[in-house]
N, C-alpha and C. Protein backbone atom coordinates (compact mmCIF):
# COMPACT_ATOMS: atom_id res chain seq x y z
N MET A 1 -1.14 31.76 22.68
CA MET A 1 -2.41 32.01 23.22
C MET A 1 -3.01 30.82 23.78
N LEU A 2 -3.06 30.32 24.98
CA LEU A 2 -3.27 28.92 25.48
C LEU A 2 -4.96 28.93 25.37
N GLU A 3 -5.45 28.23 25.09
CA GLU A 3 -7.00 28.09 25.03
C GLU A 3 -7.44 26.83 26.25
N GLN A 4 -8.23 27.37 26.88
CA GLN A 4 -8.93 26.49 27.81
C GLN A 4 -10.17 25.72 27.35
N LEU A 5 -10.23 24.71 27.65
CA LEU A 5 -11.91 23.73 27.14
C LEU A 5 -12.71 23.82 28.53
N ASN A 6 -13.78 24.47 27.98
CA ASN A 6 -14.92 24.40 29.11
C ASN A 6 -16.14 23.68 29.06
N PHE A 7 -15.71 22.46 29.35
CA PHE A 7 -16.65 21.27 29.18
C PHE A 7 -18.21 21.52 29.76
N PRO A 8 -18.21 22.20 30.90
CA PRO A 8 -19.47 22.18 31.57
C PRO A 8 -20.45 23.28 30.78
N ALA A 9 -19.87 24.11 29.84
CA ALA A 9 -20.53 25.25 29.15
C ALA A 9 -21.42 24.27 27.67
N LEU A 10 -21.06 22.86 27.63
CA LEU A 10 -21.56 22.18 26.74
C LEU A 10 -22.83 21.56 27.46
N TRP A 11 -22.88 21.33 28.75
CA TRP A 11 -24.23 20.49 29.40
C TRP A 11 -25.37 21.03 28.91
N PRO A 12 -25.84 22.27 28.25
CA PRO A 12 -26.99 22.71 27.92
C PRO A 12 -27.41 22.11 26.47
N TYR A 13 -26.24 21.55 25.82
CA TYR A 13 -26.56 21.50 24.37
C TYR A 13 -26.10 19.94 24.52
N TRP A 14 -25.93 19.02 25.15
CA TRP A 14 -25.77 17.77 25.03
C TRP A 14 -26.82 16.96 24.58
N PRO A 15 -28.25 17.05 24.42
CA PRO A 15 -29.24 16.35 23.69
C PRO A 15 -28.80 16.72 22.42
N GLU A 16 -28.41 17.85 21.48
CA GLU A 16 -28.42 17.95 20.24
C GLU A 16 -26.72 17.30 20.12
N LEU A 17 -25.84 17.32 20.81
CA LEU A 17 -24.78 16.31 20.32
C LEU A 17 -24.83 14.92 20.55
N LEU A 18 -25.92 14.75 21.49
CA LEU A 18 -25.84 13.17 21.74
C LEU A 18 -26.86 12.45 20.42
N ALA A 19 -27.95 13.45 19.73
CA ALA A 19 -28.86 13.11 18.84
C ALA A 19 -27.62 12.92 17.65
N GLY A 20 -26.55 13.94 17.68
CA GLY A 20 -25.76 13.73 16.48
C GLY A 20 -25.00 12.58 16.30
N LEU A 21 -24.59 12.44 17.57
CA LEU A 21 -23.76 10.95 17.72
C LEU A 21 -24.59 9.60 17.37
N GLY A 22 -25.96 9.73 17.64
CA GLY A 22 -26.71 8.77 17.79
C GLY A 22 -27.03 8.40 16.10
N VAL A 23 -26.88 9.73 15.37
CA VAL A 23 -27.13 9.44 14.11
C VAL A 23 -25.93 8.89 13.32
N THR A 24 -24.78 9.31 13.75
CA THR A 24 -23.34 8.90 13.11
C THR A 24 -23.10 7.30 13.30
N ILE A 25 -23.68 7.19 14.65
CA ILE A 25 -23.43 5.34 14.88
C ILE A 25 -24.58 5.06 14.05
N GLN A 26 -25.79 5.13 14.05
CA GLN A 26 -26.89 4.59 13.07
C GLN A 26 -26.51 4.36 11.74
N LEU A 27 -25.82 5.40 11.18
CA LEU A 27 -25.07 5.68 10.14
C LEU A 27 -24.08 4.56 9.75
N THR A 28 -23.16 4.65 10.57
CA THR A 28 -22.24 3.55 10.37
C THR A 28 -22.58 2.13 10.45
N VAL A 29 -23.55 1.94 11.26
CA VAL A 29 -23.74 0.41 11.46
C VAL A 29 -24.62 -0.11 10.25
N LEU A 30 -25.28 0.80 9.54
CA LEU A 30 -26.49 0.34 8.63
C LEU A 30 -25.61 0.56 7.41
N ALA A 31 -24.58 1.58 6.85
CA ALA A 31 -23.58 1.47 5.97
C ALA A 31 -22.41 0.20 6.08
N THR A 32 -22.30 -0.35 7.44
CA THR A 32 -21.23 -1.27 7.54
C THR A 32 -21.83 -2.37 7.05
N VAL A 33 -23.04 -2.77 7.77
CA VAL A 33 -23.67 -4.15 7.56
C VAL A 33 -24.16 -4.32 6.19
N GLY A 34 -24.64 -3.24 5.61
CA GLY A 34 -25.35 -3.08 3.97
C GLY A 34 -24.00 -3.36 3.23
N GLY A 35 -22.80 -2.48 3.22
CA GLY A 35 -21.42 -2.45 2.60
C GLY A 35 -20.89 -4.05 2.60
N VAL A 36 -20.88 -4.55 3.78
CA VAL A 36 -20.31 -5.58 3.70
C VAL A 36 -21.04 -6.66 3.08
N GLY A 37 -22.61 -6.51 3.17
CA GLY A 37 -23.30 -7.49 2.21
C GLY A 37 -23.00 -7.56 0.92
N LEU A 38 -23.35 -6.15 0.34
CA LEU A 38 -22.78 -6.05 -1.12
C LEU A 38 -21.13 -6.75 -1.18
N GLY A 39 -20.49 -6.56 -0.62
CA GLY A 39 -19.02 -6.92 -0.52
C GLY A 39 -19.15 -8.47 -0.86
N ILE A 40 -19.98 -9.15 0.00
CA ILE A 40 -20.03 -10.57 0.03
C ILE A 40 -20.53 -11.02 -1.29
N LEU A 41 -21.79 -10.09 -1.82
CA LEU A 41 -22.50 -10.69 -2.93
C LEU A 41 -21.39 -10.26 -3.99
N GLY A 42 -20.59 -9.15 -4.12
CA GLY A 42 -19.60 -8.99 -5.25
C GLY A 42 -18.65 -9.89 -5.19
N SER A 43 -17.97 -10.13 -4.22
CA SER A 43 -16.80 -11.12 -4.20
C SER A 43 -17.01 -12.53 -4.79
N ALA A 44 -18.22 -13.00 -4.35
CA ALA A 44 -18.82 -14.20 -4.68
C ALA A 44 -19.20 -14.01 -6.30
N LEU A 45 -19.65 -13.22 -6.86
CA LEU A 45 -19.80 -12.84 -8.41
C LEU A 45 -18.28 -12.68 -9.20
N ARG A 46 -17.49 -11.99 -8.32
CA ARG A 46 -15.94 -11.72 -9.15
C ARG A 46 -14.91 -13.00 -9.20
N SER A 47 -15.23 -13.85 -8.07
CA SER A 47 -14.53 -15.11 -7.73
C SER A 47 -15.16 -16.18 -8.57
N GLY A 48 -16.26 -16.14 -9.41
CA GLY A 48 -16.55 -17.33 -10.09
C GLY A 48 -16.03 -16.95 -11.58
N GLN A 49 -16.47 -17.84 -12.38
CA GLN A 49 -16.05 -17.77 -13.92
C GLN A 49 -16.57 -16.36 -14.44
N ALA A 50 -16.00 -15.95 -15.37
CA ALA A 50 -15.93 -14.64 -15.90
C ALA A 50 -17.23 -14.50 -16.52
N SER A 51 -17.92 -13.70 -16.49
CA SER A 51 -19.33 -13.46 -16.94
C SER A 51 -19.50 -11.95 -16.94
N TRP A 52 -20.84 -11.59 -17.76
CA TRP A 52 -21.03 -10.19 -17.94
C TRP A 52 -21.40 -9.55 -16.60
N ALA A 53 -21.63 -10.28 -15.36
CA ALA A 53 -22.16 -9.75 -14.59
C ALA A 53 -21.03 -9.55 -13.35
N SER A 54 -19.69 -10.53 -13.62
CA SER A 54 -18.49 -10.15 -12.95
C SER A 54 -18.06 -9.00 -13.54
N ARG A 55 -18.06 -8.56 -14.82
CA ARG A 55 -17.16 -7.28 -15.77
C ARG A 55 -18.09 -6.38 -15.11
N LEU A 56 -19.26 -6.41 -15.05
CA LEU A 56 -20.00 -5.19 -14.48
C LEU A 56 -19.98 -4.82 -13.48
N TRP A 57 -19.62 -6.13 -12.33
CA TRP A 57 -19.25 -5.76 -11.06
C TRP A 57 -18.03 -5.14 -10.77
N GLY A 58 -17.28 -5.66 -11.56
CA GLY A 58 -15.56 -5.03 -11.61
C GLY A 58 -15.74 -3.86 -12.05
N LEU A 59 -16.39 -3.25 -13.11
CA LEU A 59 -16.79 -1.72 -13.51
C LEU A 59 -17.00 -0.94 -12.16
N TYR A 60 -17.87 -1.46 -11.76
CA TYR A 60 -18.38 -0.48 -10.57
C TYR A 60 -17.52 -0.47 -9.48
N VAL A 61 -16.56 -1.50 -8.81
CA VAL A 61 -15.49 -1.53 -7.97
C VAL A 61 -14.74 -0.31 -8.53
N GLU A 62 -14.27 -0.61 -9.83
CA GLU A 62 -13.07 0.57 -9.95
C GLU A 62 -13.53 1.43 -10.21
N ILE A 63 -14.78 1.95 -10.35
CA ILE A 63 -15.46 3.58 -11.03
C ILE A 63 -15.18 3.87 -9.18
N ILE A 64 -16.01 3.44 -8.17
CA ILE A 64 -16.21 4.04 -6.67
C ILE A 64 -14.84 3.86 -6.29
N ARG A 65 -13.66 3.31 -6.41
CA ARG A 65 -12.84 3.06 -5.92
C ARG A 65 -11.70 4.19 -6.20
N ASN A 66 -12.18 4.44 -7.36
CA ASN A 66 -10.94 5.87 -8.35
C ASN A 66 -11.70 7.21 -8.42
N THR A 67 -13.15 7.27 -7.42
CA THR A 67 -13.57 8.53 -7.32
C THR A 67 -13.83 8.74 -6.22
N PRO A 68 -13.24 10.04 -5.68
CA PRO A 68 -13.51 10.58 -4.20
C PRO A 68 -14.97 10.35 -3.83
N PHE A 69 -14.92 9.99 -2.42
CA PHE A 69 -16.03 10.13 -1.74
C PHE A 69 -17.22 11.40 -1.77
N VAL A 70 -16.47 12.11 -1.58
CA VAL A 70 -17.14 13.68 -1.64
C VAL A 70 -17.81 13.76 -3.08
N VAL A 71 -17.18 13.28 -4.29
CA VAL A 71 -18.05 13.18 -5.45
C VAL A 71 -19.20 12.63 -5.59
N GLN A 72 -18.76 11.20 -5.21
CA GLN A 72 -19.74 10.27 -5.09
C GLN A 72 -21.33 10.89 -4.33
N LEU A 73 -20.74 11.77 -3.16
CA LEU A 73 -21.73 12.26 -2.60
C LEU A 73 -22.83 13.44 -3.34
N PHE A 74 -21.76 14.24 -3.83
CA PHE A 74 -22.31 15.32 -4.71
C PHE A 74 -23.12 14.44 -5.81
N PHE A 75 -22.68 13.85 -6.57
CA PHE A 75 -23.66 13.15 -7.76
C PHE A 75 -24.59 12.55 -7.12
N ILE A 76 -24.53 11.81 -5.94
CA ILE A 76 -25.75 11.28 -5.71
C ILE A 76 -26.63 12.43 -5.08
N MET A 77 -26.50 13.52 -4.49
CA MET A 77 -27.65 14.29 -3.93
C MET A 77 -28.09 15.28 -4.72
N PHE A 78 -27.08 15.57 -5.82
CA PHE A 78 -27.34 16.88 -6.55
C PHE A 78 -27.45 16.46 -8.24
N GLY A 79 -26.76 15.32 -8.48
CA GLY A 79 -27.40 14.66 -9.87
C GLY A 79 -28.28 13.92 -10.27
N LEU A 80 -28.31 13.00 -9.08
CA LEU A 80 -29.86 12.27 -9.56
C LEU A 80 -31.31 13.02 -9.62
N PRO A 81 -31.36 14.08 -8.80
CA PRO A 81 -32.41 14.79 -9.14
C PRO A 81 -32.84 15.33 -10.33
N ASN A 82 -31.62 15.46 -11.08
CA ASN A 82 -31.26 16.09 -12.46
C ASN A 82 -32.14 14.84 -13.62
N LEU A 83 -31.55 13.57 -12.84
CA LEU A 83 -32.33 12.32 -13.81
C LEU A 83 -33.65 12.11 -12.95
N GLY A 84 -34.47 12.87 -12.29
CA GLY A 84 -35.71 12.69 -11.82
C GLY A 84 -35.91 11.79 -10.20
N LEU A 85 -34.66 11.58 -9.80
CA LEU A 85 -34.89 10.79 -8.33
C LEU A 85 -34.38 11.83 -7.41
N LYS A 86 -35.34 12.14 -6.29
CA LYS A 86 -34.76 12.83 -5.32
C LYS A 86 -34.69 12.04 -4.39
N LEU A 87 -33.87 12.60 -3.27
CA LEU A 87 -33.59 11.74 -2.36
C LEU A 87 -33.10 13.15 -1.05
N THR A 88 -33.92 12.38 -0.10
CA THR A 88 -33.28 13.30 1.15
C THR A 88 -31.73 13.12 1.56
N ALA A 89 -31.02 14.18 2.22
CA ALA A 89 -29.99 14.12 2.37
C ALA A 89 -29.47 12.91 3.40
N GLY A 90 -30.31 12.29 4.20
CA GLY A 90 -29.72 11.23 5.14
C GLY A 90 -30.11 10.20 4.11
N LYS A 91 -30.99 9.76 3.04
CA LYS A 91 -30.91 8.79 2.21
C LYS A 91 -29.85 8.55 1.19
N ALA A 92 -29.45 9.65 0.69
CA ALA A 92 -28.26 10.05 -0.17
C ALA A 92 -26.72 9.74 0.74
N VAL A 93 -27.08 9.99 1.81
CA VAL A 93 -25.50 9.86 2.46
C VAL A 93 -25.37 8.44 2.60
N LEU A 94 -26.55 7.82 3.01
CA LEU A 94 -26.58 6.19 3.27
C LEU A 94 -26.51 5.57 2.11
N LEU A 95 -26.90 5.77 0.85
CA LEU A 95 -26.52 5.34 -0.25
C LEU A 95 -25.11 5.29 -0.75
N VAL A 96 -24.76 6.60 -0.71
CA VAL A 96 -23.04 6.64 -0.84
C VAL A 96 -22.37 5.69 -0.19
N MET A 97 -22.69 6.13 1.27
CA MET A 97 -21.65 4.93 2.18
C MET A 97 -22.12 3.47 1.65
N LEU A 98 -23.30 2.92 1.37
CA LEU A 98 -23.42 1.49 1.26
C LEU A 98 -22.27 1.20 -0.19
N ILE A 99 -22.66 2.06 -1.15
CA ILE A 99 -22.20 1.85 -2.34
C ILE A 99 -20.63 2.07 -2.27
N ASN A 100 -20.07 2.93 -1.62
CA ASN A 100 -18.64 2.78 -1.28
C ASN A 100 -18.05 1.92 -0.55
N LEU A 101 -18.53 1.61 0.21
CA LEU A 101 -18.17 0.41 1.29
C LEU A 101 -18.24 -1.00 0.50
N GLY A 102 -19.24 -1.15 -0.26
CA GLY A 102 -19.57 -2.25 -0.73
C GLY A 102 -18.31 -2.58 -1.89
N ALA A 103 -18.25 -1.42 -2.42
CA ALA A 103 -17.09 -1.39 -3.72
C ALA A 103 -15.51 -1.99 -2.93
N TYR A 104 -15.28 -1.08 -1.72
CA TYR A 104 -14.18 -1.60 -0.99
C TYR A 104 -14.20 -2.97 -0.24
N SER A 105 -15.19 -3.27 0.04
CA SER A 105 -15.26 -4.80 0.79
C SER A 105 -15.65 -6.15 -0.02
N THR A 106 -15.70 -5.69 -1.51
CA THR A 106 -16.07 -6.68 -2.55
C THR A 106 -14.12 -6.78 -2.61
N GLU A 107 -13.34 -5.78 -2.87
CA GLU A 107 -11.93 -6.52 -2.91
C GLU A 107 -11.52 -6.65 -2.22
N ILE A 108 -11.79 -6.36 -0.60
CA ILE A 108 -11.32 -7.33 0.69
C ILE A 108 -11.63 -8.58 0.55
N ILE A 109 -12.88 -8.96 0.40
CA ILE A 109 -13.04 -10.16 0.35
C ILE A 109 -12.41 -11.01 -0.68
N ARG A 110 -12.71 -10.30 -1.77
CA ARG A 110 -12.31 -11.40 -2.93
C ARG A 110 -10.71 -11.74 -2.90
N ALA A 111 -10.14 -10.69 -2.38
CA ALA A 111 -8.65 -11.11 -1.96
C ALA A 111 -8.29 -11.73 -1.12
N ASN A 112 -9.18 -11.92 -0.03
CA ASN A 112 -8.96 -12.83 0.68
C ASN A 112 -9.55 -14.39 0.35
N ILE A 113 -10.56 -14.37 -0.60
CA ILE A 113 -11.09 -15.69 -1.16
C ILE A 113 -9.76 -16.17 -1.95
N GLN A 114 -9.15 -15.34 -2.88
CA GLN A 114 -7.91 -16.08 -3.66
C GLN A 114 -6.82 -16.18 -3.21
N VAL A 115 -6.74 -15.73 -1.71
CA VAL A 115 -5.45 -16.25 -0.80
C VAL A 115 -5.83 -17.48 -0.22
N THR A 116 -6.84 -18.12 -0.21
CA THR A 116 -7.41 -19.52 0.41
C THR A 116 -6.43 -20.41 -0.27
N PRO A 117 -5.81 -21.18 0.56
CA PRO A 117 -5.10 -22.47 -0.40
C PRO A 117 -5.63 -23.24 -1.26
N LYS A 118 -5.15 -23.65 -2.18
CA LYS A 118 -5.37 -24.04 -3.44
C LYS A 118 -6.37 -25.65 -3.00
N GLY A 119 -5.44 -26.25 -1.97
CA GLY A 119 -5.53 -27.61 -1.71
C GLY A 119 -6.97 -27.65 -1.24
N GLN A 120 -7.73 -26.28 -0.56
CA GLN A 120 -9.11 -26.29 -0.01
C GLN A 120 -9.96 -26.57 -1.17
N TRP A 121 -9.60 -25.82 -2.32
CA TRP A 121 -10.58 -26.12 -3.06
C TRP A 121 -10.57 -27.30 -3.90
N GLU A 122 -9.42 -27.91 -3.93
CA GLU A 122 -9.19 -29.20 -4.61
C GLU A 122 -10.10 -30.13 -3.72
N ALA A 123 -9.74 -29.90 -2.55
CA ALA A 123 -10.86 -30.97 -1.73
C ALA A 123 -11.88 -31.03 -1.72
N SER A 124 -12.52 -29.60 -2.09
CA SER A 124 -13.94 -29.61 -2.02
C SER A 124 -14.25 -30.24 -3.19
N LEU A 125 -13.76 -29.93 -4.50
CA LEU A 125 -14.16 -30.34 -5.67
C LEU A 125 -14.26 -32.03 -5.93
N CYS A 126 -12.97 -32.63 -4.88
CA CYS A 126 -13.17 -33.87 -4.86
C CYS A 126 -14.10 -34.83 -4.06
N LEU A 127 -14.85 -33.68 -3.14
CA LEU A 127 -15.93 -34.09 -2.39
C LEU A 127 -17.15 -33.89 -3.51
N SER A 128 -17.16 -33.36 -4.71
CA SER A 128 -18.09 -33.43 -5.40
C SER A 128 -19.25 -32.03 -4.94
N LEU A 129 -18.82 -31.37 -4.52
CA LEU A 129 -19.60 -30.02 -4.23
C LEU A 129 -19.17 -29.35 -5.18
N ARG A 130 -20.63 -28.26 -5.36
CA ARG A 130 -20.71 -27.60 -6.41
C ARG A 130 -19.89 -26.00 -6.08
N PHE A 131 -19.73 -25.05 -7.10
CA PHE A 131 -19.05 -23.93 -6.78
C PHE A 131 -19.59 -23.12 -5.58
N GLY A 132 -21.21 -23.13 -5.68
CA GLY A 132 -21.52 -22.17 -4.59
C GLY A 132 -21.73 -22.83 -3.19
N GLN A 133 -21.67 -24.30 -3.41
CA GLN A 133 -21.38 -24.93 -1.90
C GLN A 133 -20.04 -24.63 -1.37
N ILE A 134 -18.99 -24.74 -2.40
CA ILE A 134 -17.61 -24.65 -1.96
C ILE A 134 -17.66 -23.38 -1.65
N LEU A 135 -17.70 -21.99 -1.97
CA LEU A 135 -17.69 -20.91 -1.59
C LEU A 135 -18.45 -20.75 -0.43
N CYS A 136 -19.84 -20.94 0.10
CA CYS A 136 -20.10 -20.61 1.07
C CYS A 136 -20.19 -21.40 2.32
N TRP A 137 -19.32 -22.78 2.02
CA TRP A 137 -19.41 -23.51 3.28
C TRP A 137 -18.13 -23.97 3.53
N VAL A 138 -16.93 -23.83 2.39
CA VAL A 138 -15.82 -24.12 2.95
C VAL A 138 -14.99 -23.20 2.47
N ILE A 139 -14.66 -22.02 1.56
CA ILE A 139 -13.88 -21.00 1.11
C ILE A 139 -14.34 -19.91 2.04
N ALA A 140 -15.44 -19.23 1.95
CA ALA A 140 -16.29 -18.08 2.86
C ALA A 140 -15.81 -18.08 4.26
N PRO A 141 -16.23 -19.23 4.85
CA PRO A 141 -15.68 -18.77 6.55
C PRO A 141 -14.28 -18.40 6.53
N GLN A 142 -13.32 -19.06 5.94
CA GLN A 142 -11.83 -18.74 6.03
C GLN A 142 -11.78 -17.38 5.63
N ALA A 143 -12.32 -17.11 4.44
CA ALA A 143 -12.11 -15.44 4.05
C ALA A 143 -12.59 -14.55 4.73
N ILE A 144 -13.37 -14.85 5.27
CA ILE A 144 -14.18 -13.61 5.93
C ILE A 144 -13.46 -13.56 7.37
N ARG A 145 -13.03 -14.74 7.93
CA ARG A 145 -12.43 -14.49 9.17
C ARG A 145 -11.35 -13.66 8.90
N ILE A 146 -10.51 -13.85 7.84
CA ILE A 146 -9.20 -13.12 7.28
C ILE A 146 -9.81 -12.01 7.25
N ALA A 147 -10.76 -11.41 6.52
CA ALA A 147 -11.21 -9.96 6.14
C ALA A 147 -11.85 -9.15 6.93
N ILE A 148 -11.74 -9.65 8.14
CA ILE A 148 -12.38 -8.84 9.45
C ILE A 148 -11.80 -7.90 9.81
N ALA A 149 -10.23 -8.10 10.19
CA ALA A 149 -9.44 -6.63 10.38
C ALA A 149 -9.26 -5.66 9.29
N PRO A 150 -9.29 -5.75 8.09
CA PRO A 150 -9.49 -4.59 7.11
C PRO A 150 -10.86 -4.34 6.94
N THR A 151 -11.67 -5.10 7.24
CA THR A 151 -12.90 -4.77 6.95
C THR A 151 -13.35 -3.63 7.95
N VAL A 152 -12.93 -3.83 9.48
CA VAL A 152 -12.91 -2.92 10.69
C VAL A 152 -12.20 -1.91 10.18
N GLY A 153 -10.93 -1.68 9.60
CA GLY A 153 -10.35 -0.74 9.27
C GLY A 153 -10.72 0.18 8.46
N PHE A 154 -11.62 -0.44 7.40
CA PHE A 154 -12.39 0.84 6.52
C PHE A 154 -13.73 0.85 7.13
N ALA A 155 -14.28 0.08 8.16
CA ALA A 155 -15.34 0.67 9.21
C ALA A 155 -14.70 1.96 9.74
N VAL A 156 -14.04 1.95 10.31
CA VAL A 156 -13.44 3.46 10.75
C VAL A 156 -13.36 4.42 9.62
N GLN A 157 -13.07 3.89 8.25
CA GLN A 157 -12.91 5.07 7.68
C GLN A 157 -14.45 5.62 7.39
N VAL A 158 -15.34 4.64 7.42
CA VAL A 158 -16.99 5.06 7.14
C VAL A 158 -17.08 5.84 8.13
N ILE A 159 -16.52 5.72 9.62
CA ILE A 159 -17.07 6.75 10.59
C ILE A 159 -16.59 8.02 10.01
N LYS A 160 -15.51 7.98 9.96
CA LYS A 160 -15.15 9.70 9.70
C LYS A 160 -15.93 10.20 8.48
N GLY A 161 -16.00 8.87 7.47
CA GLY A 161 -16.80 9.69 6.29
C GLY A 161 -18.18 10.45 6.72
N THR A 162 -18.94 9.88 7.34
CA THR A 162 -20.06 10.68 8.12
C THR A 162 -19.68 12.01 8.41
N ALA A 163 -18.98 12.55 8.66
CA ALA A 163 -18.32 13.60 8.93
C ALA A 163 -18.37 14.65 7.81
N LEU A 164 -18.34 13.91 6.41
CA LEU A 164 -18.41 14.33 5.00
C LEU A 164 -19.98 15.05 4.84
N ALA A 165 -20.72 14.29 5.25
CA ALA A 165 -22.49 14.37 5.36
C ALA A 165 -22.71 15.81 5.72
N SER A 166 -22.16 16.36 6.46
CA SER A 166 -22.41 17.72 7.05
C SER A 166 -22.24 18.96 5.82
N ILE A 167 -21.53 18.48 4.74
CA ILE A 167 -21.35 19.38 3.80
C ILE A 167 -22.43 19.68 2.67
N ILE A 168 -23.47 18.79 2.79
CA ILE A 168 -24.94 18.80 2.03
C ILE A 168 -26.08 19.02 3.20
N GLY A 169 -25.80 19.29 4.45
CA GLY A 169 -26.88 19.93 5.39
C GLY A 169 -27.18 18.86 6.31
N PHE A 170 -26.89 17.52 6.27
CA PHE A 170 -27.32 16.67 6.84
C PHE A 170 -26.77 16.48 8.49
N ILE A 171 -27.29 16.53 9.46
CA ILE A 171 -27.23 16.77 10.70
C ILE A 171 -26.56 15.73 11.53
N GLU A 172 -25.40 15.06 11.75
CA GLU A 172 -24.85 14.34 12.35
C GLU A 172 -23.93 15.13 13.56
N LEU A 173 -22.90 14.28 13.94
CA LEU A 173 -22.35 14.75 14.92
C LEU A 173 -21.50 16.08 14.85
N THR A 174 -20.70 15.85 13.58
CA THR A 174 -19.81 16.92 13.17
C THR A 174 -20.58 18.30 12.98
N LYS A 175 -21.90 18.23 12.52
CA LYS A 175 -22.70 19.28 12.06
C LYS A 175 -23.45 19.90 13.28
N ALA A 176 -23.86 18.79 14.42
CA ALA A 176 -24.43 19.49 15.48
C ALA A 176 -23.35 20.16 16.23
N GLY A 177 -22.10 19.47 16.27
CA GLY A 177 -20.99 20.44 16.96
C GLY A 177 -20.44 21.88 16.12
N THR A 178 -20.74 21.78 14.99
CA THR A 178 -20.43 22.84 14.08
C THR A 178 -21.82 23.99 14.27
N ILE A 179 -22.72 23.52 14.29
CA ILE A 179 -23.71 24.45 14.74
C ILE A 179 -23.78 24.94 16.30
N PHE A 180 -23.22 24.18 17.20
CA PHE A 180 -23.00 25.01 18.56
C PHE A 180 -22.15 25.65 18.76
N GLU A 181 -20.79 25.54 17.73
CA GLU A 181 -19.57 26.29 17.73
C GLU A 181 -20.19 27.68 16.83
N GLN A 182 -20.85 27.78 15.86
CA GLN A 182 -21.58 29.20 15.74
C GLN A 182 -22.20 29.79 16.09
N ARG A 183 -23.08 29.18 17.12
CA ARG A 183 -23.85 29.91 17.96
C ARG A 183 -23.36 30.41 19.40
N ASN A 184 -22.39 29.52 19.63
CA ASN A 184 -21.92 30.27 21.13
C ASN A 184 -20.27 30.72 21.28
N LEU A 185 -19.82 30.57 20.17
CA LEU A 185 -18.10 30.36 20.60
C LEU A 185 -17.92 32.28 19.53
N PRO A 186 -17.47 33.00 20.21
CA PRO A 186 -17.10 34.10 19.48
C PRO A 186 -16.33 34.29 18.10
N ALA A 187 -16.48 35.04 17.33
CA ALA A 187 -15.66 35.04 15.80
C ALA A 187 -14.18 35.56 16.32
N VAL A 188 -13.36 34.90 15.70
CA VAL A 188 -11.65 35.11 16.27
C VAL A 188 -11.34 36.25 15.17
């Protein structure tokens, strides 16, 4: 059976769909900017000397990277209220996306810091720069330039991850489309 797409039937519902698209874009931008910020902080911690902060951040990265996004979402949305911290669906989704992208971007940026040529580090040390100065002014610009492509690729994953927000009742583009479908399309 061949289905025909009837786009003119969507016109009365474009405000809801456009609002859902706006929420999806806003969520993606906030999560990407905040997650990359966390990644930069985490990669700076993980690239320095081994300390308790570096080990703790490494534990956070491994836990987040080894659990599914939906499990993290359910834990934040339904687990934290049992601990006394109640969040709205929007805040819970944003928090999970920040935490998730922060862990992944930590490893992306850290890997790019590690592949920076050893001569760059040695030349910086010869100029008597401190570790923070070397990282900030010499290594980070090179590492971040290399990390742009994989980070953008993961940001696309974040856009797809916003669709999972609909399972906890958060209205974004996917949920707006589902609501339209449930109201207007006949059951098969």
